[in-house]
Amino acid sequence: MKKFLPHIAFTLFVAQLLLMLVSWLLSAAFPDSGIRSLLSGEGMRWFFGHFSHQLATPVLVCLVLVLMAYGTFRHCGLLHYRSTFRERRALTMTLLLTVVAVVLLLLMTAIPHAVMLSVTGSLWPSPFSHALLPLLAFIVIVLSAFYGMMAGHFVNLSNVYEAMLDGIRQGAALLLFYLLGVQLYLSVFYILN
């Protein structure tokens, strides 16, 4: 699979270049069609002027957080559980911490007039629904780091930091595909608007 990832990224890049060329040709051949060229002055200003703003979406933040949670969970040692005394104790304490986290989430969402409910008292849409994925990623990071430290897989804070970074390293291809895919998708909308 990893052999094909560079080819997919290159295909997305070439598709962006072809889209730029085709938009220029179509806007020149059919000026009344409403198709805008990415190679015109206005198109270049849009492409470069809005590039960072268009890519900085909540999806990107959630992707980075999920990758950090993945890295922390992967390195915490829970996947290779060996049932030693230290790991059993760490698992028990992590389960207790999980219960505390669930109770806190319920207190913030399930009771009337809870803090994370919307103004109308509903759960969807609400601050809770908007923050669900980042909240879950944060909980996974905290619980994985706690288990890893209690079980001795993480000796210090640097190990937790490295585990989070490793998750981002493992998912770097997803970040690249996000950047290329979103820009291509937004370019199509720009051309057709």
Protein backbone atom coordinates (compact mmCIF):
# COMPACT_ATOMS: atom_id res chain seq x y z
CA MET A 1 0.00 0.00 0.00
CA LYS A 2 2.80 2.41 0.85
CA LYS A 3 4.10 2.06 -2.72
CA PHE A 4 0.92 3.61 -4.06
CA LEU A 5 0.72 6.58 -1.69
CA PRO A 6 3.30 8.70 -3.57
CA HIS A 7 1.48 7.96 -6.82
CA ILE A 8 -1.85 9.03 -5.33
CA ALA A 9 -0.32 12.26 -4.00
CA PHE A 10 1.29 12.93 -7.39
CA THR A 11 -2.05 12.26 -9.12
CA LEU A 12 -3.80 14.82 -6.89
CA PHE A 13 -1.05 17.35 -7.65
CA VAL A 14 -1.29 16.74 -11.42
CA ALA A 15 -5.09 16.97 -11.20
CA GLN A 16 -4.73 20.41 -9.60
CA LEU A 17 -2.42 21.54 -12.41
CA LEU A 18 -4.77 20.12 -15.07
CA LEU A 19 -7.72 21.82 -13.41
CA MET A 20 -5.87 25.13 -13.61
CA LEU A 21 -5.14 24.60 -17.30
CA VAL A 22 -8.65 23.36 -18.17
CA SER A 23 -10.26 26.24 -16.29
CA TRP A 24 -8.16 28.68 -18.28
CA LEU A 25 -9.05 27.00 -21.59
CA LEU A 26 -12.77 26.76 -20.81
CA SER A 27 -13.03 30.35 -19.58
CA ALA A 28 -11.26 31.54 -22.74
CA ALA A 29 -13.32 29.36 -25.10
CA PHE A 30 -16.67 30.03 -23.39
CA PRO A 31 -16.47 33.47 -21.75
CA ASP A 32 -20.22 33.59 -21.02
CA SER A 33 -20.32 30.19 -19.33
CA GLY A 34 -19.53 31.52 -15.86
CA ILE A 35 -16.42 29.35 -15.53
CA ARG A 36 -13.62 31.24 -13.81
CA SER A 37 -10.00 30.66 -14.63
CA LEU A 38 -7.51 29.81 -11.92
CA LEU A 39 -4.76 31.25 -14.12
CA SER A 40 -6.35 34.71 -14.37
CA GLY A 41 -5.30 37.51 -12.06
CA GLU A 42 -8.42 37.02 -9.95
CA GLY A 43 -7.91 33.24 -9.86
CA MET A 44 -4.25 33.50 -8.81
CA ARG A 45 -5.14 36.01 -6.10
CA TRP A 46 -7.86 33.65 -4.84
CA PHE A 47 -5.60 30.59 -4.97
CA PHE A 48 -2.63 32.09 -3.15
CA GLY A 49 -4.48 34.65 -1.04
CA HIS A 50 -6.89 32.15 0.50
CA PHE A 51 -4.66 29.06 0.52
CA SER A 52 -3.87 28.99 4.24
CA HIS A 53 -7.30 30.17 5.31
CA GLN A 54 -9.07 27.47 3.29
CA LEU A 55 -6.90 24.66 4.61
CA ALA A 56 -7.13 25.74 8.26
CA THR A 57 -10.40 24.00 9.01
CA PRO A 58 -11.68 22.08 12.03
CA VAL A 59 -11.13 18.91 9.99
CA LEU A 60 -7.38 19.54 9.96
CA VAL A 61 -7.32 20.13 13.72
CA CYS A 62 -9.34 16.96 14.33
CA LEU A 63 -7.04 14.98 12.04
CA VAL A 64 -3.96 16.12 13.96
CA LEU A 65 -5.61 15.37 17.32
CA VAL A 66 -6.72 11.91 16.20
CA LEU A 67 -3.19 11.15 14.97
CA MET A 68 -1.76 12.25 18.32
CA ALA A 69 -4.27 10.03 20.14
CA TYR A 70 -3.39 7.13 17.84
CA GLY A 71 0.32 7.51 18.55
CA THR A 72 -0.18 7.73 22.30
CA PHE A 73 -2.49 4.70 22.35
CA ARG A 74 -0.17 2.70 20.10
CA HIS A 75 2.85 3.27 22.35
CA CYS A 76 1.19 3.05 25.77
CA GLY A 77 1.52 -0.74 25.86
CA LEU A 78 -2.16 -1.60 26.13
CA LEU A 79 -2.13 -3.41 22.78
CA HIS A 80 0.59 -5.73 24.13
CA TYR A 81 -0.95 -6.35 27.53
CA ARG A 82 1.02 -9.03 29.45
CA SER A 83 -0.98 -9.27 32.70
CA THR A 84 1.93 -8.51 35.00
CA PHE A 85 1.18 -7.02 38.41
CA ARG A 86 2.22 -3.54 37.24
CA GLU A 87 0.09 -3.72 34.10
CA ARG A 88 -2.96 -5.11 35.96
CA ARG A 89 -2.68 -2.25 38.46
CA ALA A 90 -2.27 0.26 35.62
CA LEU A 91 -5.30 -1.17 33.82
CA THR A 92 -7.42 -1.03 36.97
CA MET A 93 -6.46 2.58 37.67
CA THR A 94 -7.02 3.52 34.01
CA LEU A 95 -10.48 1.95 34.12
CA LEU A 96 -11.26 3.99 37.23
CA LEU A 97 -10.05 7.13 35.47
CA THR A 98 -12.24 6.19 32.49
CA VAL A 99 -15.27 5.95 34.80
CA VAL A 100 -14.43 9.40 36.19
CA ALA A 101 -14.18 10.79 32.63
CA VAL A 102 -17.53 9.25 31.66
CA VAL A 103 -19.21 10.64 34.80
CA LEU A 104 -17.81 14.10 34.05
CA LEU A 105 -19.07 13.89 30.46
CA LEU A 106 -22.50 12.85 31.71
CA LEU A 107 -22.58 15.72 34.19
CA MET A 108 -21.71 18.16 31.40
CA THR A 109 -24.33 16.78 29.00
CA ALA A 110 -27.05 14.61 30.56
CA ILE A 111 -28.52 16.73 33.32
CA PRO A 112 -30.96 19.59 32.61
CA HIS A 113 -29.23 22.91 31.94
CA ALA A 114 -25.88 21.15 31.50
CA VAL A 115 -22.96 23.29 30.39
CA MET A 116 -22.31 21.51 27.07
CA LEU A 117 -25.93 21.55 25.82
CA SER A 118 -27.19 24.06 23.29
CA VAL A 119 -29.29 27.07 24.26
CA THR A 120 -32.41 25.04 23.53
CA GLY A 121 -31.19 22.15 25.72
CA SER A 122 -30.46 19.74 22.89
CA LEU A 123 -27.33 17.66 22.42
CA TRP A 124 -27.23 17.90 18.61
CA PRO A 125 -26.13 20.56 17.60
CA SER A 126 -24.44 21.85 20.71
CA PRO A 127 -20.97 22.72 22.00
CA PHE A 128 -20.67 19.03 22.93
CA SER A 129 -21.39 17.80 19.41
CA HIS A 130 -18.95 20.32 17.93
CA ALA A 131 -16.22 19.23 20.34
CA LEU A 132 -16.94 15.49 20.36
CA LEU A 133 -14.00 14.31 18.24
CA PRO A 134 -11.41 16.59 19.88
CA LEU A 135 -12.81 15.65 23.29
CA LEU A 136 -12.55 11.93 22.55
CA ALA A 137 -9.01 12.37 21.21
CA PHE A 138 -8.05 14.26 24.38
CA ILE A 139 -9.53 11.52 26.56
CA VAL A 140 -7.64 8.82 24.64
CA ILE A 141 -4.39 10.79 24.97
CA VAL A 142 -4.84 11.30 28.73
CA LEU A 143 -5.91 7.70 29.43
CA SER A 144 -3.17 6.22 27.23
CA ALA A 145 -0.50 8.43 28.80
CA PHE A 146 -1.77 7.53 32.27
CA TYR A 147 -1.76 3.80 31.52
CA GLY A 148 1.66 3.99 29.85
CA MET A 149 3.19 5.80 32.83
CA MET A 150 1.57 3.51 35.40
CA ALA A 151 2.63 0.39 33.48
CA GLY A 152 6.16 1.68 32.98
CA HIS A 153 5.99 1.99 29.19
CA PHE A 154 6.36 5.74 29.43
CA VAL A 155 9.20 6.59 31.81
CA ASN A 156 8.80 10.36 31.62
CA LEU A 157 6.88 13.09 29.87
CA SER A 158 9.29 13.01 26.92
CA ASN A 159 8.09 9.49 26.09
CA VAL A 160 4.48 10.68 25.95
CA TYR A 161 5.53 13.61 23.77
CA GLU A 162 7.42 11.30 21.42
CA ALA A 163 4.43 8.94 21.22
CA MET A 164 2.16 11.82 20.16
CA LEU A 165 4.69 12.94 17.56
CA ASP A 166 5.01 9.38 16.28
CA GLY A 167 1.27 9.34 15.66
CA ILE A 168 1.61 12.46 13.54
CA ARG A 169 4.58 10.92 11.72
CA GLN A 170 2.59 7.76 11.01
CA GLY A 171 -0.28 9.82 9.61
CA ALA A 172 1.78 12.34 7.67
CA ALA A 173 0.46 10.88 4.41
CA LEU A 174 -3.09 11.68 5.55
CA LEU A 175 -2.08 15.28 6.19
CA LEU A 176 -0.59 15.54 2.70
CA PHE A 177 -3.71 14.00 1.13
CA TYR A 178 -5.86 16.39 3.14
CA LEU A 179 -3.92 19.40 1.84
CA LEU A 180 -3.96 18.25 -1.78
CA GLY A 181 -7.55 16.99 -1.74
CA VAL A 182 -9.09 20.02 -0.05
CA GLN A 183 -7.31 22.45 -2.35
CA LEU A 184 -8.45 20.50 -5.41
CA TYR A 185 -12.02 20.33 -4.09
CA LEU A 186 -12.13 24.08 -3.33
CA SER A 187 -10.59 24.90 -6.70
CA VAL A 188 -13.40 23.06 -8.49
CA PHE A 189 -15.95 25.12 -6.53
CA TYR A 190 -14.10 28.34 -7.34
CA ILE A 191 -14.09 27.55 -11.05
CA LEU A 192 -17.79 26.67 -11.16
CA ASN A 193 -18.99 29.64 -9.06
